[in-house]
Amino acid sequence: MYAAGNNPKLTPLVAEIIAAPHVVPGSDGKRHIVYEVAVTNVTGGDARFERLAVIDADSGAKLAELGPDELASRVTPGASRGNETRELTAYQFAVIFMHVALAEEAAVPARITHEVTAHFAVIGAEMTLTLGEATVVATAPVILGPPLRGNGYVAADGCCDSIRHVRALLSLDGKFHLAQRFAIDWEQLDDKNTLVVGDLKVPANYHIYGNPILAVADGTVVGTRNDLQDQVPGALPPNLPIDEADGNFVVLDIGSGLFVNYAHMRPGGVKVKLGDKVRRGDQLGEVGNTGNSQAPHLHLHVMDNASPLASDGLPYVFDRFTITAVDEAGTEDFDKAEATGSPLTLTPRSPPQQLKNVLPLDLSVVTWPQ
C-alpha cells in the first residue's frame, strides 16, 4: 500500500541552499538577497545549464532570471572560484552564487525556489526542474555605528556581486562556510582620489594606514591577535597559514548571537585584549596590512559565531553615513588605483546621499559622521 503523495521521482540534478538567504537593504534603495545554491549533476553525462529562475514559492511570481551568459559567470564547479562555467561533467558538483535585487516596493518572499532548465547528454534533451527551496530570513539586520572616522572611505569588494568576498566559500571542518558574504574592505582616498602616494611597497604610504578602528557597537572582545608583521603591498602573500589569514585582528561579541570581525591591523596596533568590555566608538586598533592582504585596509564583517572563517556571514547596516561618489568604472578601476597609485574614476553623487540604516554597496565612497 502507498500513502497519499508517496510518489518520488528520479531527478538528474540535486540541489540545496548552503545557508538561509537573508535580506539586506542597500544604498541603492533596493533590498538584496545573497545566497548560494549547491547543485550536483547525478547523471553519467554532461549537463549544460540554460536558464535559472528564482520563484516566490507561495505566489509563483518570478523574482529573477539568469540566462546562459549569467549562468556561465555564476556556476562554479567544485566551488573553485575563478573556474566558472555553465557546463558540468558527469557526477560533478558546483555552487551557483546568487544575488536577487528586489525593488523597494516589492514584497519580500517568505520562501523561494528555483526553476532550472538544463540540457542533459544522457537523454539528448532539455529538462526543467524545480529545486532548492529555502525560507528567506527577512528580519531587520543589526544596525552598526561607524568603524572609522572621516571621509573618503571606499567600500571595496562589497555587496553584492563582487567576487573576492561574496564567493569566498571555504570547506572547513567538513562543511562549507562563507563568513565574508557581506564583508567590506575599507580603503581611503585623498583629495586627488588616490589610495596611495609614494613608494607602493611601503604600507604607511597608503592613506588609511594607521587610522583608528572603532567599535561599531557595545560588546566584549572574544578573539584577538597582535604579533604579526605587515605584508609588503602589491600581492597576496604566498603559502600563508590559515590561522594568519586575518592578520592582527579583533572579534567583538555584540550580543544576540552576532560577532564582528576586524582584520589586518598594523603590528602592535591592537588596543584591546581578550575579555575587554568596549562601548560603541571606543578604539579597538589601527589599520594595517597584516595577514592575507595586498594593501592596507580594514576588513569588516558580521558573522554568527566567534570564528572569523568557520562561520556564516550575516547582513548588517550602518545607522548614518553619506555617499559622495561611486566608482562606477568597477573593480578593475579600483585595482588599478591600488596597484599604481592612479586616481579612481569616480562618479559624484550630487547632492551627496545622506543615508540611514542601509548597507553601502560595492565601491561607494563614504563619509562617516564625526
Protein backbone atom coordinates (compact mmCIF):
# COMPACT_ATOMS: atom_id res chain seq x y z
CA MET A 1 0.00 0.00 0.00
CA TYR A 2 1.18 3.56 -0.78
CA ALA A 3 0.29 6.56 1.32
CA ALA A 4 -1.11 9.60 -0.47
CA GLY A 5 1.63 11.67 -2.09
CA ASN A 6 4.22 8.92 -1.87
CA ASN A 7 5.30 9.18 -5.49
CA PRO A 8 9.03 10.08 -5.64
CA LYS A 9 10.69 10.80 -8.98
CA LEU A 10 14.27 10.37 -10.08
CA THR A 11 15.89 13.71 -10.96
CA PRO A 12 19.14 14.35 -12.85
CA LEU A 13 20.09 17.22 -10.51
CA VAL A 14 20.02 17.59 -6.74
CA ALA A 15 20.27 20.98 -5.08
CA GLU A 16 20.16 22.65 -1.67
CA ILE A 17 20.73 26.11 -0.26
CA ILE A 18 24.02 26.32 1.66
CA ALA A 19 22.79 28.91 4.19
CA ALA A 20 19.43 30.55 4.74
CA PRO A 21 19.07 33.60 2.45
CA HIS A 22 18.92 36.93 4.29
CA VAL A 23 17.58 40.27 3.06
CA VAL A 24 19.65 43.44 3.39
CA PRO A 25 18.63 46.97 2.33
CA GLY A 26 21.29 48.57 0.14
CA SER A 27 22.38 52.13 -0.52
CA ASP A 28 20.77 51.87 -3.98
CA GLY A 29 17.24 51.80 -2.49
CA LYS A 30 16.79 48.10 -3.24
CA ARG A 31 16.71 45.07 -0.96
CA HIS A 32 19.24 42.38 -1.74
CA ILE A 33 19.21 38.62 -1.20
CA VAL A 34 22.64 37.00 -1.43
CA TYR A 35 22.99 33.22 -1.11
CA GLU A 36 24.42 30.07 -2.68
CA VAL A 37 22.83 27.04 -4.33
CA ALA A 38 24.81 23.79 -4.17
CA VAL A 39 23.93 21.61 -7.17
CA THR A 40 25.16 18.21 -8.36
CA ASN A 41 24.77 16.57 -11.75
CA VAL A 42 23.95 12.97 -10.79
CA THR A 43 23.87 11.66 -14.36
CA GLY A 44 26.60 9.80 -16.22
CA GLY A 45 26.83 12.52 -18.89
CA ASP A 46 27.38 16.24 -19.22
CA ALA A 47 24.78 18.78 -18.11
CA ARG A 48 24.59 22.32 -19.52
CA PHE A 49 22.60 24.99 -17.68
CA GLU A 50 20.37 27.08 -19.95
CA ARG A 51 18.17 29.06 -17.55
CA LEU A 52 17.59 29.54 -13.84
CA ALA A 53 14.58 31.42 -12.48
CA VAL A 54 14.14 32.41 -8.83
CA ILE A 55 10.48 31.95 -7.90
CA ASP A 56 8.38 33.13 -4.97
CA ALA A 57 7.32 29.70 -3.74
CA ASP A 58 3.97 30.97 -2.44
CA SER A 59 2.80 33.34 -5.18
CA GLY A 60 4.62 31.79 -8.14
CA ALA A 61 6.00 35.21 -9.13
CA LYS A 62 9.34 35.28 -10.90
CA LEU A 63 11.85 37.32 -8.87
CA ALA A 64 14.89 36.97 -11.12
CA GLU A 65 16.06 35.02 -14.14
CA LEU A 66 19.55 34.06 -15.27
CA GLY A 67 20.28 33.21 -18.89
CA PRO A 68 23.27 31.36 -20.37
CA ASP A 69 25.74 34.24 -20.06
CA GLU A 70 24.89 34.98 -16.43
CA LEU A 71 24.99 31.29 -15.53
CA ALA A 72 28.40 30.96 -17.17
CA SER A 73 29.70 33.59 -14.71
CA ARG A 74 27.98 32.18 -11.60
CA VAL A 75 28.10 28.36 -11.80
CA THR A 76 31.31 27.35 -10.05
CA PRO A 77 32.31 23.66 -10.26
CA GLY A 78 33.73 22.37 -7.01
CA ALA A 79 33.16 25.86 -5.55
CA SER A 80 36.54 26.72 -7.15
CA ARG A 81 36.35 30.47 -7.61
CA GLY A 82 37.70 31.60 -10.98
CA ASN A 83 36.64 28.44 -12.81
CA GLU A 84 33.06 29.38 -13.62
CA THR A 85 31.23 27.56 -16.41
CA ARG A 86 27.62 26.59 -17.08
CA GLU A 87 28.63 23.04 -18.03
CA LEU A 88 29.05 20.20 -15.55
CA THR A 89 30.60 16.87 -16.34
CA ALA A 90 29.14 13.55 -15.15
CA TYR A 91 28.61 13.42 -11.39
CA GLN A 92 30.12 16.88 -10.89
CA PHE A 93 29.24 19.26 -8.06
CA ALA A 94 29.02 23.06 -8.34
CA VAL A 95 27.92 26.13 -6.40
CA ILE A 96 25.76 28.79 -8.04
CA PHE A 97 26.38 32.17 -6.41
CA MET A 98 23.07 34.03 -6.37
CA HIS A 99 22.04 37.65 -5.99
CA VAL A 100 18.42 38.82 -6.21
CA ALA A 101 17.74 42.56 -6.05
CA LEU A 102 14.18 43.44 -5.06
CA ALA A 103 12.68 46.79 -5.95
CA GLU A 104 11.86 48.95 -2.94
CA GLU A 105 8.11 48.39 -3.30
CA ALA A 106 8.35 44.64 -3.96
CA ALA A 107 7.18 42.21 -1.31
CA VAL A 108 9.88 40.08 0.29
CA PRO A 109 9.10 36.41 -0.38
CA ALA A 110 8.69 34.11 2.60
CA ARG A 111 10.07 31.20 0.58
CA ILE A 112 11.92 30.89 -2.70
CA THR A 113 12.52 28.03 -5.07
CA HIS A 114 14.35 27.66 -8.38
CA GLU A 115 13.27 26.53 -11.83
CA VAL A 116 16.36 25.15 -13.56
CA THR A 117 16.44 24.30 -17.25
CA ALA A 118 19.41 22.24 -18.39
CA HIS A 119 20.41 20.08 -21.33
CA PHE A 120 21.38 16.54 -20.34
CA ALA A 121 23.61 14.48 -22.61
CA VAL A 122 22.22 11.18 -21.35
CA ILE A 123 18.82 11.96 -22.87
CA GLY A 124 19.94 14.39 -25.55
CA ALA A 125 17.33 16.92 -24.47
CA GLU A 126 16.47 19.69 -22.03
CA MET A 127 14.54 19.29 -18.79
CA THR A 128 13.12 21.90 -16.42
CA LEU A 129 13.26 21.03 -12.73
CA THR A 130 12.07 22.78 -9.57
CA LEU A 131 14.83 22.62 -6.96
CA GLY A 132 16.36 24.28 -3.95
CA GLU A 133 13.51 25.61 -1.84
CA ALA A 134 14.51 27.85 1.06
CA THR A 135 12.95 30.09 3.68
CA VAL A 136 14.01 33.73 3.37
CA VAL A 137 15.11 35.47 6.57
CA ALA A 138 13.57 38.95 6.39
CA THR A 139 14.23 40.16 9.94
CA ALA A 140 15.94 43.56 10.07
CA PRO A 141 19.77 43.34 10.04
CA VAL A 142 21.78 44.58 13.00
CA ILE A 143 22.38 48.35 12.99
CA LEU A 144 26.01 49.38 13.50
CA GLY A 145 27.88 52.59 14.15
CA PRO A 146 30.86 53.79 12.09
CA PRO A 147 34.02 51.62 12.10
CA LEU A 148 36.21 54.59 11.10
CA ARG A 149 36.27 58.40 11.28
CA GLY A 150 36.37 60.94 8.50
CA ASN A 151 35.76 60.88 4.77
CA GLY A 152 36.86 59.33 1.51
CA TYR A 153 36.43 55.69 2.54
CA VAL A 154 35.85 53.27 -0.35
CA ALA A 155 33.70 50.18 0.25
CA ALA A 156 35.84 47.76 -1.77
CA ASP A 157 34.74 44.23 -2.69
CA GLY A 158 31.36 44.84 -1.07
CA CYS A 159 27.84 43.59 -1.67
CA CYS A 160 26.51 42.20 -3.83
CA ASP A 161 28.27 40.90 -6.95
CA SER A 162 31.94 41.42 -6.26
CA ILE A 163 33.91 38.19 -6.29
CA ARG A 164 36.53 38.21 -3.55
CA HIS A 165 34.23 38.25 -0.53
CA VAL A 166 30.83 37.17 -1.83
CA ARG A 167 32.34 33.97 -3.28
CA ALA A 168 34.91 33.24 -0.56
CA LEU A 169 33.33 29.87 0.23
CA LEU A 170 35.60 27.67 2.36
CA SER A 171 35.37 23.98 3.29
CA LEU A 172 36.27 23.91 6.98
CA ASP A 173 35.79 21.07 9.46
CA GLY A 174 33.78 19.08 6.95
CA LYS A 175 31.27 21.72 5.87
CA PHE A 176 31.02 24.90 3.81
CA HIS A 177 31.29 28.32 5.45
CA LEU A 178 31.01 31.77 3.89
CA ALA A 179 31.88 34.19 6.67
CA GLN A 180 32.66 37.03 4.24
CA ARG A 181 29.31 37.05 2.40
CA PHE A 182 28.66 40.71 3.36
CA ALA A 183 32.24 41.78 4.09
CA ILE A 184 33.72 45.12 3.04
CA ASP A 185 37.38 46.11 2.66
CA TRP A 186 37.64 49.78 3.59
CA GLU A 187 40.37 51.89 1.97
CA GLN A 188 40.71 55.68 1.95
CA LEU A 189 41.10 58.34 -0.75
CA ASP A 190 42.83 61.70 -0.55
CA ASP A 191 41.53 64.88 -2.21
CA LYS A 192 43.03 63.70 -5.52
CA ASN A 193 41.10 60.40 -5.36
CA THR A 194 44.23 58.30 -4.86
CA LEU A 195 44.67 55.46 -2.35
CA VAL A 196 48.45 55.76 -2.03
CA VAL A 197 51.20 58.30 -2.69
CA GLY A 198 54.89 57.45 -2.95
CA ASP A 199 56.57 54.03 -2.81
CA LEU A 200 53.81 51.47 -3.31
CA LYS A 201 55.74 48.88 -1.28
CA VAL A 202 55.57 50.96 1.93
CA PRO A 203 52.36 50.33 3.91
CA ALA A 204 52.48 53.73 5.61
CA ASN A 205 52.17 55.46 2.21
CA TYR A 206 48.55 54.29 1.90
CA HIS A 207 46.20 56.97 3.20
CA ILE A 208 44.26 54.66 5.50
CA TYR A 209 47.33 53.19 7.21
CA GLY A 210 47.31 53.68 10.98
CA ASN A 211 43.79 55.14 11.12
CA PRO A 212 41.88 54.37 14.34
CA ILE A 213 39.43 51.43 14.13
CA LEU A 214 36.27 51.87 16.19
CA ALA A 215 33.82 49.54 17.92
CA VAL A 216 30.62 49.54 15.88
CA ALA A 217 28.56 48.50 18.92
CA ASP A 218 28.89 47.78 22.62
CA GLY A 219 30.48 44.38 23.09
CA THR A 220 33.08 42.02 24.52
CA VAL A 221 36.40 41.13 22.90
CA VAL A 222 36.34 37.35 22.32
CA GLY A 223 39.19 36.99 19.82
CA THR A 224 42.38 38.89 19.06
CA ARG A 225 45.92 38.66 17.71
CA ASN A 226 48.67 41.28 17.76
CA ASP A 227 52.00 39.63 16.86
CA LEU A 228 52.18 39.65 13.03
CA GLN A 229 54.21 41.96 10.80
CA ASP A 230 52.86 43.94 7.85
CA GLN A 231 52.98 42.30 4.43
CA VAL A 232 54.69 44.08 1.54
CA PRO A 233 51.87 45.64 -0.53
CA GLY A 234 51.34 44.65 -4.14
CA ALA A 235 50.41 40.96 -3.91
CA LEU A 236 48.78 38.50 -1.56
CA PRO A 237 51.39 36.56 0.45
CA PRO A 238 52.02 33.01 -0.82
CA ASN A 239 51.50 29.92 1.35
CA LEU A 240 50.04 31.86 4.26
CA PRO A 241 48.89 29.61 7.15
CA ILE A 242 45.12 29.75 7.52
CA ASP A 243 45.43 30.94 11.13
CA GLU A 244 47.22 34.07 9.84
CA ALA A 245 44.61 34.95 7.20
CA ASP A 246 43.11 37.81 9.22
CA GLY A 247 46.47 39.10 10.37
CA ASN A 248 46.24 41.06 13.59
CA PHE A 249 42.54 41.14 14.36
CA VAL A 250 39.75 41.66 16.87
CA VAL A 251 36.48 39.73 17.16
CA LEU A 252 33.77 41.55 19.08
CA ASP A 253 30.74 39.77 20.57
CA ILE A 254 27.91 42.31 20.24
CA GLY A 255 25.17 40.07 21.62
CA SER A 256 22.15 38.26 20.16
CA GLY A 257 24.46 35.67 18.59
CA LEU A 258 26.27 38.29 16.47
CA PHE A 259 30.03 38.82 16.18
CA VAL A 260 32.05 41.45 14.30
CA ASN A 261 35.43 40.66 12.76
CA TYR A 262 38.01 43.43 12.22
CA ALA A 263 41.07 42.20 10.30
CA HIS A 264 44.58 43.22 9.10
CA MET A 265 45.55 45.64 11.89
CA ARG A 266 49.09 47.02 11.92
CA PRO A 267 51.85 45.41 14.03
CA GLY A 268 51.22 46.26 17.66
CA GLY A 269 48.12 48.18 16.63
CA VAL A 270 45.53 46.19 18.59
CA LYS A 271 44.43 48.26 21.59
CA VAL A 272 42.27 45.71 23.43
CA LYS A 273 42.68 42.26 24.96
CA LEU A 274 40.50 39.20 25.46
CA GLY A 275 37.60 39.83 27.80
CA ASP A 276 37.64 43.61 27.50
CA LYS A 277 34.24 45.31 27.52
CA VAL A 278 34.00 48.12 24.98
CA ARG A 279 31.44 50.73 24.09
CA ARG A 280 30.43 51.87 20.65
CA GLY A 281 33.05 54.33 19.35
CA ASP A 282 35.91 53.02 21.51
CA GLN A 283 39.16 52.47 19.64
CA LEU A 284 39.97 48.79 19.05
CA GLY A 285 43.10 49.16 16.95
CA GLU A 286 44.78 50.74 13.93
CA VAL A 287 44.59 49.89 10.22
CA GLY A 288 47.49 47.84 8.85
CA ASN A 289 48.46 45.30 6.20
CA THR A 290 48.91 42.05 8.12
CA GLY A 291 47.66 38.63 7.07
CA ASN A 292 46.12 37.86 3.69
CA SER A 293 46.30 41.43 2.45
CA GLN A 294 47.85 43.13 -0.56
CA ALA A 295 47.24 46.74 0.53
CA PRO A 296 46.45 48.36 3.88
CA HIS A 297 42.74 48.25 4.64
CA LEU A 298 40.16 47.45 7.28
CA HIS A 299 38.28 44.22 6.57
CA LEU A 300 34.94 44.15 8.41
CA HIS A 301 32.17 41.58 8.51
CA VAL A 302 29.42 40.29 10.81
CA MET A 303 29.06 36.56 11.50
CA ASP A 304 27.09 34.06 13.54
CA ASN A 305 29.91 32.80 15.80
CA ALA A 306 33.31 33.87 17.04
CA SER A 307 35.37 32.21 14.30
CA PRO A 308 36.36 34.71 11.58
CA LEU A 309 36.42 31.88 8.99
CA ALA A 310 34.29 28.94 10.22
CA SER A 311 31.09 30.96 10.49
CA ASP A 312 28.19 32.19 8.40
CA GLY A 313 28.31 35.81 7.25
CA LEU A 314 25.24 37.85 8.17
CA PRO A 315 23.94 41.16 6.81
CA TYR A 316 24.26 44.43 8.68
CA VAL A 317 23.59 48.15 8.10
CA PHE A 318 25.11 51.39 9.35
CA ASP A 319 22.92 53.89 11.15
CA ARG A 320 24.21 57.04 9.37
CA PHE A 321 26.65 57.84 6.59
CA THR A 322 26.97 59.90 3.42
CA ILE A 323 27.88 58.66 -0.06
CA THR A 324 29.75 61.31 -2.03
CA ALA A 325 30.63 59.24 -5.13
CA VAL A 326 30.73 55.73 -6.59
CA ASP A 327 33.46 54.13 -8.70
CA GLU A 328 31.11 53.06 -11.48
CA ALA A 329 34.13 52.00 -13.57
CA GLY A 330 34.20 48.91 -11.37
CA THR A 331 36.67 46.65 -9.61
CA GLU A 332 39.21 46.81 -12.43
CA ASP A 333 39.49 50.58 -11.96
CA PHE A 334 39.83 50.21 -8.19
CA ASP A 335 42.50 47.51 -8.57
CA LYS A 336 44.46 49.74 -10.96
CA ALA A 337 44.37 52.62 -8.46
CA GLU A 338 45.56 50.33 -5.68
CA ALA A 339 48.33 48.83 -7.79
CA THR A 340 49.64 52.00 -9.45
CA GLY A 341 48.63 54.99 -7.35
CA SER A 342 46.43 56.37 -10.14
CA PRO A 343 43.22 58.20 -9.12
CA LEU A 344 39.93 56.34 -9.05
CA THR A 345 37.40 57.14 -11.78
CA LEU A 346 34.57 58.42 -9.62
CA THR A 347 31.01 59.41 -10.45
CA PRO A 348 29.99 62.07 -7.89
CA ARG A 349 26.65 61.96 -6.12
CA SER A 350 25.25 65.48 -6.32
CA PRO A 351 23.98 66.25 -3.85
CA PRO A 352 25.70 63.67 -1.64
CA GLN A 353 23.38 60.88 -0.44
CA GLN A 354 22.71 61.06 3.28
CA LEU A 355 21.58 57.57 4.22
CA LYS A 356 20.34 55.73 7.29
CA ASN A 357 20.09 52.05 8.18
CA VAL A 358 21.31 50.62 4.88
CA LEU A 359 24.47 48.85 3.66
CA PRO A 360 26.89 50.81 1.45
CA LEU A 361 27.18 48.85 -1.78
CA ASP A 362 30.36 47.99 -3.65
CA LEU A 363 32.74 50.87 -4.45
CA SER A 364 30.67 53.55 -2.74
CA VAL A 365 32.74 56.41 -1.28
CA VAL A 366 31.59 57.03 2.29
CA THR A 367 31.89 59.87 4.79
CA TRP A 368 31.30 58.84 8.40
CA PRO A 369 29.68 61.21 10.91
CA GLN A 370 32.11 62.86 13.31
